[in-house]
Amino acid sequence: MTSPARALTGTALAALALVACAAGPLAPSSQAGDVSATAFELPPVGAALDYQLGAAYTPPQGVTLVTRDSTASPAAGLYNICYVNGFQSQPADRDVWLNQRGHLVLKDSSGKPIIDPNWPDEFLLDTSTAAKRTELASIIGRTIDQCAAKGFKAVEVDNLDSYLRSRGRLSVNNNLAYAKLLADRTHARGLAIGQKNSAEQAARGRAEVGFDFAVSEECHRWEECSSYSDVYDSHVMDIEYTDDLRGTFEDVCDDPDTPATTTLRDRYLVGPGQSGYAFDHC
């Protein structure tokens, strides 16, 4: 499941290669293109996460880990993850994708763009050939560059599972090969990269793509948290939503399979003071 609150993919800024802060666990990264590989910092284990895709606001006291959209700025003094919609278009970019990048939009047999049925303003991106994957990685890579330039320490790339909505026109191998290009770009910029959802691809995501951690929406609700932790160990974070809990949030936190970094949010990820806002963490 994907969060209902998505903002626009940001426009490109100048690429900056950043070396991770000294604090926290460091890991070597892959080489991408002609950019020298750097070290990156993994997200803190067992941290209090605030998931702020719908609105960027001052995190509650005690929060040490924040996810924000690539168009936002990092929260000062915390570990920040940058959200990037890597496998589908963003709604306000509709005309750009149709008029300037139409060959990179996945189409059905009649030539019509294939959309996400749950997100009718989002086109699926065509990862079916090596040439298209390379071109897409260059475009989305500029957003990753922006995340690095702003000072984010990691990226989470959404919609790895777009092949499931492709009407058979994309394969899991297509998407994993494309994800590998994005992972290489991310590591070369000195950032860690997280697998977003797609529990069934955790082992391949770790081994073949090079994802460093996992971000799950509702792994407790769908009883799939161990699918991530079996692969990523303690480097898993989960977001559960108030409108579809399995039991109470106390039950969620008491479940031994629930990641230590688990957050409760309202479905639309609104900010404090807005109707429906909810935040809690294990």
Protein backbone atom coordinates (compact mmCIF):
# COMPACT_ATOMS: atom_id res chain seq x y z
CA MET A 1 0.00 0.00 0.00
CA THR A 2 1.18 3.50 -0.78
CA SER A 3 0.61 6.61 1.25
CA PRO A 4 -2.30 8.80 0.06
CA ALA A 5 -0.26 11.94 0.59
CA ARG A 6 2.25 12.54 -2.16
CA ALA A 7 3.81 15.83 -3.16
CA LEU A 8 5.44 16.82 -6.44
CA THR A 9 8.80 15.40 -7.40
CA GLY A 10 11.17 18.32 -7.11
CA THR A 11 12.99 19.96 -9.97
CA ALA A 12 16.68 19.29 -10.32
CA LEU A 13 19.29 21.13 -8.31
CA ALA A 14 23.01 20.93 -8.78
CA ALA A 15 24.32 17.53 -7.73
CA LEU A 16 26.39 17.42 -4.60
CA ALA A 17 28.26 14.42 -3.27
CA LEU A 18 27.94 14.36 0.50
CA VAL A 19 29.91 12.32 2.99
CA ALA A 20 27.84 11.02 5.87
CA CYS A 21 28.14 12.40 9.37
CA ALA A 22 30.53 10.63 11.68
CA ALA A 23 27.78 9.56 14.08
CA GLY A 24 25.88 6.36 13.45
CA PRO A 25 26.71 3.22 11.46
CA LEU A 26 28.46 3.80 8.15
CA ALA A 27 28.47 1.59 5.10
CA PRO A 28 30.36 1.68 1.79
CA SER A 29 28.37 2.51 -1.32
CA SER A 30 28.38 1.53 -4.96
CA GLN A 31 29.90 3.51 -7.83
CA ALA A 32 27.50 5.25 -10.22
CA GLY A 33 28.73 6.71 -13.48
CA ASP A 34 31.69 9.01 -13.08
CA VAL A 35 30.79 10.04 -9.54
CA SER A 36 33.06 8.73 -6.82
CA ALA A 37 31.40 6.47 -4.29
CA THR A 38 31.16 7.84 -0.76
CA ALA A 39 30.21 6.57 2.67
CA PHE A 40 26.64 6.85 3.85
CA GLU A 41 24.91 6.77 7.23
CA LEU A 42 22.15 4.28 7.94
CA PRO A 43 18.99 5.40 9.75
CA PRO A 44 19.13 5.00 13.53
CA VAL A 45 17.71 1.72 14.86
CA GLY A 46 14.71 1.90 17.18
CA ALA A 47 14.24 5.61 16.53
CA ALA A 48 11.02 7.57 16.92
CA LEU A 49 9.93 8.25 13.34
CA ASP A 50 7.59 11.00 12.15
CA TYR A 51 6.25 10.40 8.64
CA GLN A 52 5.58 13.85 7.18
CA LEU A 53 4.65 13.38 3.51
CA GLY A 54 1.43 15.36 3.76
CA ALA A 55 2.91 18.36 5.54
CA ALA A 56 6.32 19.38 6.85
CA TYR A 57 6.12 20.70 10.42
CA THR A 58 8.22 20.86 13.58
CA PRO A 59 8.51 17.23 14.74
CA PRO A 60 7.09 16.34 18.17
CA GLN A 61 9.48 16.13 21.09
CA GLY A 62 11.44 12.88 21.14
CA VAL A 63 11.37 12.33 17.38
CA THR A 64 14.82 11.60 15.96
CA LEU A 65 13.92 10.36 12.47
CA VAL A 66 11.78 12.14 9.86
CA THR A 67 10.60 11.32 6.34
CA ARG A 68 9.67 14.25 4.12
CA ASP A 69 8.95 14.74 0.43
CA SER A 70 11.80 15.71 -1.87
CA THR A 71 10.22 19.16 -2.32
CA ALA A 72 10.56 19.87 1.42
CA SER A 73 13.66 20.69 3.43
CA PRO A 74 15.10 18.39 6.11
CA ALA A 75 14.20 18.90 9.77
CA ALA A 76 17.19 20.46 11.47
CA GLY A 77 19.29 18.27 13.73
CA LEU A 78 17.53 14.97 12.89
CA TYR A 79 18.10 12.06 10.53
CA ASN A 80 16.00 12.84 7.45
CA ILE A 81 14.77 10.49 4.71
CA CYS A 82 13.73 11.92 1.35
CA TYR A 83 10.61 10.49 -0.33
CA VAL A 84 10.91 9.98 -4.11
CA ASN A 85 8.17 8.54 -6.34
CA GLY A 86 10.53 6.58 -8.58
CA PHE A 87 8.25 4.28 -10.58
CA GLN A 88 5.22 6.49 -11.30
CA SER A 89 4.69 10.09 -12.35
CA GLN A 90 3.58 12.80 -9.97
CA PRO A 91 0.13 14.35 -10.62
CA ALA A 92 1.25 17.91 -11.38
CA ASP A 93 3.89 16.60 -13.80
CA ARG A 94 1.21 15.10 -16.04
CA ASP A 95 1.79 17.40 -19.02
CA VAL A 96 5.56 17.06 -18.80
CA TRP A 97 5.36 13.28 -18.96
CA LEU A 98 2.76 13.24 -21.73
CA ASN A 99 4.23 15.97 -23.94
CA GLN A 100 7.96 15.72 -23.31
CA ARG A 101 8.54 12.19 -22.01
CA GLY A 102 5.69 10.27 -23.59
CA HIS A 103 7.98 7.46 -24.73
CA LEU A 104 8.79 6.77 -21.05
CA VAL A 105 5.14 6.40 -20.00
CA LEU A 106 3.85 2.82 -20.03
CA LYS A 107 1.01 2.37 -22.54
CA ASP A 108 -1.60 -0.28 -23.21
CA SER A 109 -2.23 -2.00 -26.55
CA SER A 110 -4.27 0.97 -27.79
CA GLY A 111 -1.53 3.46 -26.94
CA LYS A 112 -3.21 4.90 -23.85
CA PRO A 113 -1.12 5.57 -20.73
CA ILE A 114 -1.54 3.00 -17.99
CA ILE A 115 -2.46 4.60 -14.67
CA ASP A 116 -2.40 3.43 -11.09
CA PRO A 117 -6.05 2.51 -10.40
CA ASN A 118 -5.73 3.80 -6.84
CA TRP A 119 -4.01 7.00 -8.00
CA PRO A 120 -5.61 7.97 -11.35
CA ASP A 121 -3.38 11.03 -11.70
CA GLU A 122 -0.22 8.89 -11.76
CA PHE A 123 1.13 7.20 -14.88
CA LEU A 124 3.26 4.09 -14.62
CA LEU A 125 6.78 4.65 -15.93
CA ASP A 126 8.04 2.24 -18.59
CA THR A 127 10.97 0.24 -17.21
CA SER A 128 10.71 -2.47 -19.87
CA THR A 129 14.00 -1.82 -21.71
CA ALA A 130 17.54 -1.02 -20.65
CA ALA A 131 17.49 2.21 -22.66
CA LYS A 132 14.32 3.44 -21.00
CA ARG A 133 15.57 2.44 -17.55
CA THR A 134 18.75 4.43 -18.12
CA GLU A 135 16.81 7.52 -19.25
CA LEU A 136 14.37 7.26 -16.37
CA ALA A 137 17.21 6.87 -13.88
CA SER A 138 18.75 10.06 -15.21
CA ILE A 139 15.48 11.97 -14.73
CA ILE A 140 14.60 10.59 -11.30
CA GLY A 141 18.28 10.75 -10.39
CA ARG A 142 18.11 14.52 -10.54
CA THR A 143 15.55 14.41 -7.74
CA ILE A 144 17.92 12.19 -5.76
CA ASP A 145 20.63 14.79 -6.38
CA GLN A 146 18.26 17.40 -4.96
CA CYS A 147 17.76 15.31 -1.82
CA ALA A 148 21.52 15.16 -1.34
CA ALA A 149 21.97 18.87 -1.99
CA LYS A 150 19.36 19.72 0.65
CA GLY A 151 21.06 17.61 3.29
CA PHE A 152 18.86 14.51 3.49
CA LYS A 153 20.76 11.40 4.61
CA ALA A 154 18.68 8.76 2.85
CA VAL A 155 16.09 8.21 0.14
CA GLU A 156 13.01 5.98 0.02
CA VAL A 157 11.85 5.17 -3.51
CA ASP A 158 8.15 4.43 -3.86
CA ASN A 159 6.17 2.09 -6.13
CA LEU A 160 8.68 -0.70 -6.67
CA ASP A 161 5.60 -2.88 -7.18
CA SER A 162 4.29 -0.96 -10.22
CA TYR A 163 4.77 -4.11 -12.32
CA LEU A 164 1.74 -5.56 -10.50
CA ARG A 165 -0.40 -2.78 -12.02
CA SER A 166 1.18 -2.91 -15.50
CA ARG A 167 -1.29 -5.36 -17.09
CA GLY A 168 1.60 -7.70 -17.75
CA ARG A 169 3.73 -5.14 -19.61
CA LEU A 170 6.39 -4.89 -16.90
CA SER A 171 8.17 -7.61 -14.95
CA VAL A 172 9.68 -7.68 -11.52
CA ASN A 173 13.06 -8.06 -13.22
CA ASN A 174 12.47 -4.81 -15.13
CA ASN A 175 11.76 -2.91 -11.92
CA LEU A 176 14.60 -4.41 -9.93
CA ALA A 177 17.07 -3.57 -12.70
CA TYR A 178 15.80 0.01 -12.71
CA ALA A 179 15.92 0.17 -8.91
CA LYS A 180 19.58 -0.86 -9.08
CA LEU A 181 20.34 2.22 -11.21
CA LEU A 182 18.59 4.43 -8.65
CA ALA A 183 20.44 2.74 -5.78
CA ASP A 184 23.79 3.32 -7.48
CA ARG A 185 22.94 6.98 -8.02
CA THR A 186 21.82 7.34 -4.40
CA HIS A 187 24.93 5.70 -2.97
CA ALA A 188 27.19 7.80 -5.18
CA ARG A 189 25.60 10.91 -3.68
CA GLY A 190 26.44 9.70 -0.18
CA LEU A 191 22.92 8.67 0.79
CA ALA A 192 21.44 5.39 2.00
CA ILE A 193 18.44 4.01 0.08
CA GLY A 194 15.40 2.25 1.47
CA GLN A 195 13.10 -0.30 -0.10
CA LYS A 196 9.50 0.99 0.12
CA ASN A 197 6.87 -1.74 0.60
CA SER A 198 6.93 -4.87 -1.69
CA ALA A 199 7.69 -7.32 1.12
CA GLU A 200 7.82 -10.21 -1.33
CA GLN A 201 10.86 -8.64 -2.99
CA ALA A 202 12.88 -7.96 0.17
CA ALA A 203 15.54 -10.63 -0.43
CA ARG A 204 16.12 -9.63 -4.04
CA GLY A 205 15.94 -5.95 -3.16
CA ARG A 206 18.72 -6.36 -0.64
CA ALA A 207 20.92 -8.70 -2.69
CA GLU A 208 20.40 -7.43 -6.25
CA VAL A 209 19.44 -3.79 -5.87
CA GLY A 210 21.48 -2.91 -2.81
CA PHE A 211 18.72 -1.44 -0.64
CA ASP A 212 20.10 -0.62 2.81
CA PHE A 213 16.91 -0.60 4.88
CA ALA A 214 13.17 -1.07 4.46
CA VAL A 215 10.16 1.22 4.88
CA SER A 216 6.82 -0.55 5.22
CA GLU A 217 3.32 0.79 5.34
CA GLU A 218 1.10 -1.45 7.48
CA CYS A 219 3.33 -4.50 7.75
CA HIS A 220 1.59 -5.34 11.04
CA ARG A 221 -1.86 -4.95 9.48
CA TRP A 222 -0.92 -7.37 6.70
CA GLU A 223 1.23 -9.64 8.90
CA GLU A 224 4.37 -9.23 6.82
CA CYS A 225 6.83 -7.45 9.14
CA SER A 226 9.03 -10.53 9.44
CA SER A 227 9.41 -10.61 5.65
CA TYR A 228 11.38 -7.39 6.02
CA SER A 229 13.20 -8.11 9.27
CA ASP A 230 14.36 -11.52 8.04
CA VAL A 231 16.29 -9.62 5.37
CA TYR A 232 17.05 -6.19 6.86
CA ASP A 233 17.23 -7.23 10.52
CA SER A 234 16.67 -4.16 12.72
CA HIS A 235 16.87 -1.69 9.82
CA VAL A 236 13.11 -1.73 9.23
CA MET A 237 10.61 1.03 9.91
CA ASP A 238 6.84 0.71 9.73
CA ILE A 239 3.94 3.13 9.47
CA GLU A 240 0.50 1.99 10.60
CA TYR A 241 -2.68 4.00 9.99
CA THR A 242 -5.44 4.83 12.44
CA ASP A 243 -8.26 3.80 10.09
CA ASP A 244 -7.14 0.21 9.54
CA LEU A 245 -5.32 -1.18 12.56
CA ARG A 246 -5.23 -4.88 13.41
CA GLY A 247 -6.25 -4.51 17.02
CA THR A 248 -5.18 -1.45 18.97
CA PHE A 249 -1.92 0.42 18.56
CA GLU A 250 -0.87 -1.05 21.90
CA ASP A 251 -1.39 -4.48 20.31
CA VAL A 252 0.78 -3.40 17.40
CA CYS A 253 3.62 -2.36 19.68
CA ASP A 254 3.33 -5.48 21.84
CA ASP A 255 3.68 -7.80 18.85
CA PRO A 256 7.26 -9.19 18.83
CA ASP A 257 7.28 -9.09 15.02
CA THR A 258 6.62 -5.34 14.95
CA PRO A 259 9.75 -3.29 14.13
CA ALA A 260 11.12 -1.20 16.97
CA THR A 261 10.71 1.83 14.71
CA THR A 262 6.94 1.84 14.22
CA THR A 263 4.78 4.93 13.91
CA LEU A 264 1.04 5.54 13.98
CA ARG A 265 -0.25 8.21 11.59
CA ASP A 266 -3.52 9.41 10.13
CA ARG A 267 -4.17 8.13 6.61
CA TYR A 268 -3.71 11.50 4.91
CA LEU A 269 -0.64 12.52 6.91
CA VAL A 270 -1.96 15.97 7.73
CA GLY A 271 -0.16 18.38 10.01
CA PRO A 272 -0.87 19.23 13.66
CA GLY A 273 -3.98 21.34 14.11
CA GLN A 274 -5.65 19.85 11.04
CA SER A 275 -8.70 17.63 11.30
CA GLY A 276 -7.79 13.98 11.69
CA TYR A 277 -4.15 14.50 12.66
CA ALA A 278 -2.73 11.58 14.61
CA PHE A 279 0.78 10.65 15.70
CA ASP A 280 2.17 8.07 18.07
CA HIS A 281 5.07 5.66 18.09
CA CYS A 282 6.08 2.42 19.81
